[in-house]
Amino acid sequence: MPEFHEAQQRDLILFVGGTRDEAGAVVTAYEKKYKKNVQALYMGNESSKDFSKKASAAYRKKIIELPLVFKKLNDEIISQALQPYSDRLLAATCSREYNIRTYKKIIPHIPYLFAPTQESLNWATDKVEMRQRIQERAPEISPKFMVVENMRESTLNRVEKYIQFPLVIKPAGLAASKHVTICYYREEFEKSLRQVMNSLNKLYKERERDDKPKVLVEEFMEGTMYSIDAYVNARGYVYHCPPVFVKTGANVGFDDFFGYLRIMPVQLKDHRIDDANHAVTEAIHALGLRNITCHVELMRTEEGWKIIEVGPRMGGYRPKMYQLSFGIDHLLNDVLIRIPQKPIIKKRPRKTVAVLQFFAKEEGILDVIEGFKRISKLDSFEDIQVKHVKGDSLKFAKNGGSSVFDVTLAHKERSQILADIRRIEKGVTIKVVKANAHSAK
């Protein structure tokens, strides 16, 4: 295996998508830690609205821009774009799952860098392939599942007999919780499956995807949900980050499965965490992932730890959460594992950190968010991201929608975090009006 010192003369880190500020922050942190001058080669999607956002002034000199139209990429375009920089490349990373398709196309053109295989990324971004491979390697950590491609009566009967209710519908090739639906009886399953398939056909056409939509149907697992981000080196050794407790929308009264609350550090005994880490390692090895950061969602059930899914990326909000809670530079570690260098993982928590995603109680047109200004006055307030404004159409995650706003809280005392979460829940109301009523106005 090539030694790290053989790459010392290389000084360019390729970022496929993401944001310029993330790229700038990583190279700055690397320079400070390792006393080596490096730059970011930022490959952005020229046709995306994200590319119009400029880097902060502090990072502009650190970034070389490489604008490309991702949906038009072919071998010739990629080769010509990377050729001037090939001898300088130290590592290549991709932090967003929707850019993995582009990252896979680039891998053959960076043969002397450490990277995951294209096949492993295919397995990790297709929920059906993922579930099948985990089932083959470690059936004890996998729930029962079936693949559904049609609405035939015989298909529905097989699902009802083998999986039984309640069950979960998951689009095979989408990230996060979009279009994930829980069904408790036959009529609900038929209606939800038809809606998901129709939505997927439309979505695949809009994104110009040439693969056929597939739906994964699996048993609904009762238990407590957690997630763990992990770094995998070239030999398959897995470095585990501290786990995060996850409360879904279904846990707080929504007919939806989005991540309502994420909080860390968790209240689990060490042997429970060790068992969870073992399940994470088994799932990652089943997919053959290497030289990458993985986001693994899992459920603690009466039968033990079960894998919900594995993503070939960092988890949402994890860079901020790990930094605030443990002082872990998640973005830097994501690059270190690809150089390869050993990631730096601190085990002693400094603060309790929580991220909440707020959806409206019903779909419609956003009218007003009452009590919104009180959030920033809370003792544990850290940050807020507003996703929608007055007049926007709001949908549940299972129908392809996103949260109205997200809040990050951080405090040394866990009790303060829990109190402030309660204050937000009781003091903030998202009001919507029906679409037809809004049109009438």
Protein backbone atom coordinates (compact mmCIF):
# COMPACT_ATOMS: atom_id res chain seq x y z
CA MET A 1 0.00 0.00 0.00
CA PRO A 2 1.35 3.47 -0.85
CA GLU A 3 2.64 5.33 2.17
CA PHE A 4 1.34 8.74 3.17
CA HIS A 5 4.75 10.38 2.71
CA GLU A 6 4.59 9.53 -1.01
CA ALA A 7 1.72 12.04 -1.37
CA GLN A 8 3.39 14.88 0.52
CA GLN A 9 4.04 16.86 -2.65
CA ARG A 10 0.33 16.82 -3.52
CA ASP A 11 -1.57 19.88 -2.36
CA LEU A 12 -5.10 19.78 -3.82
CA ILE A 13 -8.26 18.27 -2.29
CA LEU A 14 -11.12 17.67 -4.72
CA PHE A 15 -14.63 18.42 -3.41
CA VAL A 16 -17.49 17.09 -5.55
CA GLY A 17 -20.48 19.28 -4.72
CA GLY A 18 -21.18 20.42 -1.19
CA THR A 19 -20.46 24.06 -0.40
CA ARG A 20 -17.43 26.23 -0.97
CA ASP A 21 -17.32 27.28 2.68
CA GLU A 22 -17.13 23.63 3.78
CA ALA A 23 -14.25 23.10 1.35
CA GLY A 24 -12.51 26.25 2.55
CA ALA A 25 -12.94 25.27 6.19
CA VAL A 26 -11.44 21.83 5.60
CA VAL A 27 -8.29 23.01 3.82
CA THR A 28 -7.79 25.72 6.45
CA ALA A 29 -8.11 23.16 9.25
CA TYR A 30 -5.74 20.79 7.46
CA GLU A 31 -3.12 23.53 7.03
CA LYS A 32 -3.35 24.46 10.70
CA LYS A 33 -3.13 20.86 11.93
CA TYR A 34 -0.42 19.53 9.60
CA LYS A 35 1.51 22.72 8.71
CA LYS A 36 1.11 22.07 4.99
CA ASN A 37 -0.22 24.46 2.33
CA VAL A 38 -3.21 22.97 0.48
CA GLN A 39 -6.08 24.21 -1.71
CA ALA A 40 -9.58 23.04 -2.51
CA LEU A 41 -10.57 22.10 -6.06
CA TYR A 42 -14.30 22.72 -5.92
CA MET A 43 -16.25 20.86 -8.60
CA GLY A 44 -19.68 22.46 -8.53
CA ASN A 45 -22.80 21.83 -10.57
CA GLU A 46 -22.93 24.89 -12.81
CA SER A 47 -26.65 24.41 -13.45
CA SER A 48 -27.48 24.25 -9.72
CA LYS A 49 -28.60 27.20 -7.62
CA ASP A 50 -25.95 26.16 -5.09
CA PHE A 51 -23.21 27.18 -7.49
CA SER A 52 -24.37 30.80 -7.46
CA LYS A 53 -23.44 31.06 -3.76
CA LYS A 54 -19.95 32.52 -3.41
CA ALA A 55 -17.42 31.44 -0.82
CA SER A 56 -16.80 33.57 2.24
CA ALA A 57 -14.00 36.10 1.78
CA ALA A 58 -11.76 34.19 4.20
CA TYR A 59 -11.79 31.14 1.95
CA ARG A 60 -11.74 32.53 -1.60
CA LYS A 61 -7.97 32.28 -2.03
CA LYS A 62 -8.12 28.68 -0.87
CA ILE A 63 -10.49 27.54 -3.62
CA ILE A 64 -10.05 26.76 -7.31
CA GLU A 65 -13.45 26.58 -9.00
CA LEU A 66 -14.29 23.88 -11.51
CA PRO A 67 -17.86 24.53 -12.76
CA LEU A 68 -19.44 21.66 -14.71
CA VAL A 69 -22.97 20.66 -15.66
CA PHE A 70 -23.29 17.41 -13.73
CA LYS A 71 -26.07 15.85 -15.82
CA LYS A 72 -23.97 16.27 -19.00
CA LEU A 73 -20.76 14.74 -17.64
CA ASN A 74 -19.03 12.06 -19.68
CA ASP A 75 -15.54 10.57 -19.63
CA GLU A 76 -14.14 13.13 -22.05
CA ILE A 77 -15.43 16.14 -20.11
CA ILE A 78 -14.23 14.74 -16.77
CA SER A 79 -10.80 13.82 -18.13
CA GLN A 80 -10.27 17.27 -19.65
CA ALA A 81 -11.46 19.02 -16.49
CA LEU A 82 -9.18 17.08 -14.12
CA GLN A 83 -6.11 16.70 -16.34
CA PRO A 84 -4.45 20.02 -15.33
CA TYR A 85 -4.67 19.02 -11.66
CA SER A 86 -4.05 15.25 -11.74
CA ASP A 87 -0.50 15.41 -10.31
CA ARG A 88 -1.60 17.67 -7.45
CA LEU A 89 -4.61 15.74 -6.17
CA LEU A 90 -4.23 14.52 -2.58
CA ALA A 91 -7.79 13.27 -1.97
CA ALA A 92 -11.32 13.46 -3.37
CA THR A 93 -14.50 13.66 -1.33
CA CYS A 94 -18.26 13.97 -1.79
CA SER A 95 -20.40 14.89 1.22
CA ARG A 96 -23.90 14.93 -0.31
CA GLU A 97 -25.74 11.79 -1.36
CA TYR A 98 -27.37 13.52 -4.35
CA ASN A 99 -23.87 14.10 -5.77
CA ILE A 100 -22.75 10.46 -5.40
CA ARG A 101 -23.83 9.72 -8.98
CA THR A 102 -21.34 12.35 -10.16
CA TYR A 103 -18.65 11.14 -7.75
CA LYS A 104 -18.98 7.61 -9.17
CA LYS A 105 -18.28 8.93 -12.68
CA ILE A 106 -15.13 10.66 -11.45
CA ILE A 107 -13.57 7.67 -9.64
CA PRO A 108 -12.07 6.03 -12.78
CA HIS A 109 -10.33 9.33 -13.54
CA ILE A 110 -8.54 9.51 -10.17
CA PRO A 111 -6.92 6.03 -10.21
CA TYR A 112 -4.07 6.90 -7.87
CA LEU A 113 -6.25 8.28 -5.09
CA PHE A 114 -7.88 6.26 -2.33
CA ALA A 115 -11.61 6.02 -3.11
CA PRO A 116 -14.56 3.66 -2.69
CA THR A 117 -15.38 1.36 -5.60
CA GLN A 118 -18.17 2.33 -7.95
CA GLU A 119 -19.92 -0.96 -7.22
CA SER A 120 -19.92 -0.36 -3.46
CA LEU A 121 -21.48 3.06 -4.01
CA ASN A 122 -24.16 1.46 -6.19
CA TRP A 123 -24.98 -0.96 -3.38
CA ALA A 124 -25.03 1.80 -0.77
CA THR A 125 -27.32 4.15 -2.73
CA ASP A 126 -29.89 1.53 -3.72
CA LYS A 127 -31.89 0.46 -0.67
CA VAL A 128 -32.79 -2.86 -2.27
CA GLU A 129 -29.18 -3.80 -3.07
CA MET A 130 -28.19 -2.57 0.39
CA ARG A 131 -30.77 -4.69 2.16
CA GLN A 132 -29.95 -7.79 0.11
CA ARG A 133 -26.22 -7.61 0.82
CA ILE A 134 -26.68 -6.97 4.54
CA GLN A 135 -29.13 -9.88 4.70
CA GLU A 136 -26.59 -12.18 3.06
CA ARG A 137 -23.73 -11.25 5.41
CA ALA A 138 -25.51 -10.63 8.71
CA PRO A 139 -29.22 -11.62 8.66
CA GLU A 140 -29.46 -11.03 12.42
CA ILE A 141 -29.17 -7.24 11.90
CA SER A 142 -31.60 -7.02 8.96
CA PRO A 143 -35.42 -6.81 9.07
CA LYS A 144 -37.63 -8.82 6.69
CA PHE A 145 -38.08 -7.10 3.31
CA MET A 146 -39.44 -7.43 -0.23
CA VAL A 147 -38.98 -5.53 -3.49
CA VAL A 148 -42.15 -4.20 -5.11
CA GLU A 149 -42.32 -3.00 -8.73
CA ASN A 150 -46.05 -3.20 -9.48
CA MET A 151 -49.53 -3.00 -7.97
CA ARG A 152 -50.74 -6.49 -8.92
CA GLU A 153 -53.06 -8.25 -6.48
CA SER A 154 -50.65 -11.19 -6.25
CA THR A 155 -47.80 -8.84 -5.31
CA LEU A 156 -49.84 -7.17 -2.57
CA ASN A 157 -50.90 -10.57 -1.23
CA ARG A 158 -47.27 -11.77 -1.00
CA VAL A 159 -46.29 -8.62 0.88
CA GLU A 160 -49.15 -8.99 3.34
CA LYS A 161 -48.36 -12.65 3.96
CA TYR A 162 -44.57 -12.38 4.32
CA ILE A 163 -43.97 -8.91 5.81
CA GLN A 164 -47.29 -8.46 7.63
CA PHE A 165 -48.53 -5.17 9.08
CA PRO A 166 -47.34 -2.68 10.12
CA LEU A 167 -44.78 -2.21 7.37
CA VAL A 168 -42.63 0.56 5.88
CA ILE A 169 -42.46 1.69 2.24
CA LYS A 170 -39.10 3.10 1.09
CA PRO A 171 -38.08 4.32 -2.37
CA ALA A 172 -34.92 2.38 -3.28
CA GLY A 173 -32.86 5.26 -4.64
CA LEU A 174 -33.66 8.31 -2.52
CA ALA A 175 -31.84 9.69 0.51
CA ALA A 176 -33.27 10.93 3.81
CA SER A 177 -36.92 10.34 4.75
CA LYS A 178 -38.63 11.58 1.58
CA HIS A 179 -41.56 9.33 0.59
CA VAL A 180 -40.90 6.91 3.48
CA THR A 181 -44.34 5.79 4.66
CA ILE A 182 -45.64 3.57 7.47
CA CYS A 183 -48.73 1.47 6.69
CA TYR A 184 -50.87 -0.36 9.24
CA TYR A 185 -53.48 -2.12 7.05
CA ARG A 186 -54.11 -3.29 3.46
CA GLU A 187 -56.10 -0.31 2.15
CA GLU A 188 -53.55 2.15 3.52
CA PHE A 189 -50.73 0.14 1.94
CA GLU A 190 -52.38 0.11 -1.50
CA LYS A 191 -53.06 3.85 -1.43
CA SER A 192 -49.59 4.77 -0.17
CA LEU A 193 -47.81 2.46 -2.60
CA ARG A 194 -49.69 3.95 -5.54
CA GLN A 195 -48.84 7.49 -4.41
CA VAL A 196 -45.16 6.65 -3.91
CA MET A 197 -44.85 4.97 -7.31
CA ASN A 198 -46.53 7.88 -9.08
CA SER A 199 -44.28 10.38 -7.27
CA LEU A 200 -41.16 8.37 -8.10
CA ASN A 201 -42.00 8.13 -11.79
CA LYS A 202 -42.41 11.91 -11.91
CA LEU A 203 -39.28 12.56 -9.85
CA TYR A 204 -37.07 10.23 -11.89
CA LYS A 205 -38.26 11.92 -15.08
CA GLU A 206 -37.49 15.39 -13.68
CA ARG A 207 -34.00 14.30 -12.61
CA GLU A 208 -33.42 12.58 -15.97
CA ARG A 209 -32.60 9.28 -14.28
CA ASP A 210 -32.45 6.33 -16.64
CA ASP A 211 -32.92 3.63 -13.99
CA LYS A 212 -36.32 2.17 -13.11
CA PRO A 213 -37.88 3.19 -9.77
CA LYS A 214 -38.02 0.39 -7.20
CA VAL A 215 -39.76 0.32 -3.85
CA LEU A 216 -38.54 -1.53 -0.78
CA VAL A 217 -41.18 -2.85 1.60
CA GLU A 218 -39.91 -4.01 4.99
CA GLU A 219 -41.22 -4.86 8.41
CA PHE A 220 -41.77 -1.97 10.79
CA MET A 221 -39.26 -2.31 13.62
CA GLU A 222 -40.35 -1.33 17.10
CA GLY A 223 -37.59 0.11 19.21
CA THR A 224 -35.40 3.15 19.74
CA MET A 225 -33.64 4.77 16.80
CA TYR A 226 -30.00 5.88 16.76
CA SER A 227 -27.45 6.84 14.13
CA ILE A 228 -23.69 6.49 13.96
CA ASP A 229 -21.28 8.10 11.51
CA ALA A 230 -18.14 6.09 10.83
CA TYR A 231 -14.92 6.40 8.85
CA VAL A 232 -13.66 3.37 6.86
CA ASN A 233 -10.06 3.12 5.74
CA ALA A 234 -8.57 1.28 2.75
CA ARG A 235 -8.24 -1.98 4.71
CA GLY A 236 -11.84 -1.87 5.96
CA TYR A 237 -11.00 -0.78 9.52
CA VAL A 238 -13.95 1.22 10.87
CA TYR A 239 -13.57 4.20 13.22
CA HIS A 240 -16.88 4.92 14.97
CA CYS A 241 -18.08 8.37 15.98
CA PRO A 242 -20.25 8.71 19.12
CA PRO A 243 -23.88 7.66 18.52
CA VAL A 244 -26.80 10.06 18.17
CA PHE A 245 -30.30 9.44 19.55
CA VAL A 246 -33.07 10.06 16.99
CA LYS A 247 -36.74 10.74 17.60
CA THR A 248 -38.90 10.62 14.46
CA GLY A 249 -42.04 12.52 13.55
CA ALA A 250 -44.05 9.38 14.27
CA ASN A 251 -42.82 9.51 17.88
CA VAL A 252 -44.38 12.96 18.40
CA GLY A 253 -47.76 12.50 16.74
CA PHE A 254 -47.05 12.99 13.03
CA ASP A 255 -48.14 10.49 10.39
CA ASP A 256 -44.62 10.79 9.02
CA PHE A 257 -41.12 9.43 9.50
CA PHE A 258 -38.80 12.47 9.34
CA GLY A 259 -36.04 13.02 11.91
CA TYR A 260 -37.79 15.30 14.40
CA LEU A 261 -35.05 15.34 17.07
CA ARG A 262 -31.37 14.38 17.11
CA ILE A 263 -29.52 14.62 20.42
CA MET A 264 -26.10 13.64 21.76
CA PRO A 265 -24.35 12.37 23.81
CA VAL A 266 -26.66 9.41 24.26
CA GLN A 267 -27.61 7.65 27.46
CA LEU A 268 -26.44 4.13 26.62
CA LYS A 269 -24.10 1.85 28.54
CA ASP A 270 -20.73 1.15 26.96
CA HIS A 271 -21.55 -2.46 26.06
CA ARG A 272 -24.69 -1.31 24.24
CA ILE A 273 -22.61 1.11 22.19
CA ASP A 274 -20.07 -1.62 21.47
CA ASP A 275 -22.85 -3.85 20.15
CA ALA A 276 -24.18 -1.00 18.00
CA ASN A 277 -20.70 -0.35 16.60
CA HIS A 278 -20.36 -4.03 15.75
CA ALA A 279 -23.63 -3.93 13.78
CA VAL A 280 -22.43 -0.79 11.97
CA THR A 281 -19.16 -2.49 11.01
CA GLU A 282 -20.99 -5.56 9.73
CA ALA A 283 -23.29 -3.43 7.57
CA ILE A 284 -20.41 -1.40 6.12
CA HIS A 285 -18.41 -4.54 5.32
CA ALA A 286 -21.46 -6.09 3.67
CA LEU A 287 -21.44 -3.19 1.20
CA GLY A 288 -17.69 -3.28 0.66
CA LEU A 289 -17.29 0.42 1.42
CA ARG A 290 -13.79 1.82 1.94
CA ASN A 291 -12.00 5.19 2.01
CA ILE A 292 -15.22 6.94 2.94
CA THR A 293 -17.44 8.33 5.69
CA CYS A 294 -20.67 6.41 6.30
CA HIS A 295 -23.91 7.44 7.97
CA VAL A 296 -25.65 4.44 9.53
CA GLU A 297 -29.17 4.47 10.98
CA LEU A 298 -30.07 1.62 13.29
CA MET A 299 -32.78 0.50 15.69
CA ARG A 300 -32.34 -0.97 19.15
CA THR A 301 -35.03 -3.65 19.36
CA GLU A 302 -35.86 -6.49 21.75
CA GLU A 303 -33.97 -8.82 19.38
CA GLY A 304 -30.89 -6.60 19.33
CA TRP A 305 -29.56 -3.93 16.95
CA LYS A 306 -31.10 -3.80 13.47
CA ILE A 307 -29.78 -1.76 10.55
CA ILE A 308 -32.24 0.68 9.01
CA GLU A 309 -29.88 1.86 6.28
CA VAL A 310 -26.32 2.87 5.40
CA GLY A 311 -25.47 6.06 3.52
CA PRO A 312 -22.07 6.67 1.81
CA ARG A 313 -21.91 10.17 3.28
CA MET A 314 -21.91 12.20 6.47
CA GLY A 315 -25.21 12.43 8.31
CA GLY A 316 -27.26 15.58 8.23
CA TYR A 317 -26.10 18.19 10.75
CA ARG A 318 -23.38 15.83 11.99
CA PRO A 319 -20.41 18.19 11.37
CA LYS A 320 -22.00 20.82 13.61
CA MET A 321 -23.24 18.33 16.22
CA TYR A 322 -19.93 16.50 16.56
CA GLN A 323 -18.00 19.76 16.75
CA LEU A 324 -20.23 21.28 19.43
CA SER A 325 -20.62 18.15 21.53
CA PHE A 326 -17.23 16.43 21.29
CA GLY A 327 -14.92 18.83 19.47
CA ILE A 328 -14.67 16.43 16.52
CA ASP A 329 -13.91 18.02 13.13
CA HIS A 330 -16.13 15.75 11.04
CA LEU A 331 -15.41 17.52 7.76
CA LEU A 332 -11.66 17.22 8.24
CA ASN A 333 -11.90 13.56 9.26
CA ASP A 334 -13.90 12.85 6.10
CA VAL A 335 -10.87 14.01 4.08
CA LEU A 336 -8.26 12.37 6.32
CA ILE A 337 -9.75 8.90 5.82
CA ARG A 338 -9.38 9.37 2.05
CA ILE A 339 -5.72 10.55 2.04
CA PRO A 340 -5.39 8.17 4.00
CA GLN A 341 -4.61 9.44 7.49
CA LYS A 342 -6.07 8.38 10.80
CA PRO A 343 -9.17 10.40 11.80
CA ILE A 344 -9.13 12.29 15.09
CA ILE A 345 -12.04 11.21 17.33
CA LYS A 346 -12.46 12.65 20.81
CA LYS A 347 -14.48 10.62 23.29
CA ARG A 348 -15.16 13.13 26.10
CA PRO A 349 -18.33 15.22 25.55
CA ARG A 350 -18.24 18.95 26.21
CA LYS A 351 -21.91 19.80 25.67
CA THR A 352 -25.28 18.24 25.02
CA VAL A 353 -26.38 19.15 21.49
CA ALA A 354 -29.80 18.82 19.88
CA VAL A 355 -31.13 19.52 16.40
CA LEU A 356 -34.88 19.77 15.82
CA GLN A 357 -36.70 19.85 12.48
CA PHE A 358 -40.13 21.45 12.58
CA PHE A 359 -42.92 20.58 10.15
CA ALA A 360 -46.43 22.00 10.15
CA LYS A 361 -49.15 19.77 11.61
CA GLU A 362 -50.94 19.82 8.26
CA GLU A 363 -50.07 20.45 4.63
CA GLY A 364 -50.96 23.72 2.97
CA ILE A 365 -49.63 27.24 2.43
CA LEU A 366 -47.44 28.73 5.15
CA ASP A 367 -49.18 31.69 6.78
CA VAL A 368 -47.23 32.59 9.92
CA ILE A 369 -44.89 31.11 12.54
CA GLU A 370 -46.08 32.33 15.93
CA GLY A 371 -43.54 32.59 18.76
CA PHE A 372 -40.62 32.30 16.34
CA LYS A 373 -38.59 35.18 17.84
CA ARG A 374 -38.54 33.55 21.28
CA ILE A 375 -36.28 30.75 20.06
CA SER A 376 -33.15 32.90 19.72
CA LYS A 377 -33.53 34.05 23.36
CA LEU A 378 -33.23 30.57 24.83
CA ASP A 379 -30.14 29.86 26.95
CA SER A 380 -29.14 26.91 24.78
CA PHE A 381 -29.80 28.57 21.40
CA GLU A 382 -27.03 27.99 18.87
CA ASP A 383 -28.45 28.38 15.37
CA ILE A 384 -31.62 28.40 13.26
CA GLN A 385 -32.15 27.66 9.58
CA VAL A 386 -35.37 28.85 7.98
CA LYS A 387 -36.38 26.69 5.01
CA HIS A 388 -39.75 28.23 4.12
CA VAL A 389 -41.35 31.67 4.21
CA LYS A 390 -44.91 32.99 4.12
CA GLY A 391 -46.71 31.81 0.97
CA ASP A 392 -44.63 28.66 0.46
CA SER A 393 -46.33 25.33 -0.10
CA LEU A 394 -45.71 22.90 2.78
CA LYS A 395 -45.74 19.11 2.46
CA PHE A 396 -44.95 16.28 4.81
CA ALA A 397 -41.65 14.44 4.28
CA LYS A 398 -43.50 11.32 3.13
CA ASN A 399 -44.92 13.43 0.28
CA GLY A 400 -41.53 14.88 -0.68
CA GLY A 401 -41.60 17.98 1.56
CA SER A 402 -38.96 19.52 3.81
CA SER A 403 -39.04 21.10 7.27
CA VAL A 404 -40.18 24.70 7.83
CA PHE A 405 -37.21 25.51 10.05
CA ASP A 406 -34.45 23.68 11.92
CA VAL A 407 -33.03 24.65 15.31
CA THR A 408 -29.69 23.75 16.88
CA LEU A 409 -29.34 23.89 20.68
CA ALA A 410 -26.17 23.38 22.73
CA HIS A 411 -25.52 23.58 26.48
CA LYS A 412 -23.33 21.98 29.13
CA GLU A 413 -26.41 20.90 31.06
CA ARG A 414 -28.65 18.28 29.43
CA SER A 415 -31.56 19.43 31.58
CA GLN A 416 -31.34 22.89 30.00
CA ILE A 417 -31.55 21.39 26.51
CA LEU A 418 -34.61 19.33 27.44
CA ALA A 419 -36.28 22.39 29.03
CA ASP A 420 -35.65 24.56 25.96
CA ILE A 421 -36.98 21.87 23.63
CA ARG A 422 -40.16 21.86 25.70
CA ARG A 423 -40.35 25.67 25.54
CA ILE A 424 -40.15 25.62 21.75
CA GLU A 425 -42.74 22.87 21.45
CA LYS A 426 -45.20 24.75 23.66
CA GLY A 427 -44.43 28.28 22.46
CA VAL A 428 -44.09 27.98 18.68
CA THR A 429 -46.97 27.33 16.29
CA ILE A 430 -46.77 26.94 12.51
CA LYS A 431 -50.02 28.10 10.93
CA VAL A 432 -51.04 27.14 7.41
CA VAL A 433 -54.01 27.80 5.17
CA LYS A 434 -55.43 25.41 2.61
CA ALA A 435 -54.13 25.90 -0.92
CA ASN A 436 -57.57 26.69 -2.38
CA ALA A 437 -58.29 29.20 0.40
CA HIS A 438 -54.98 30.93 -0.28
CA SER A 439 -55.75 31.10 -4.00
CA ALA A 440 -59.14 32.65 -3.29
CA LYS A 441 -57.51 35.50 -1.37
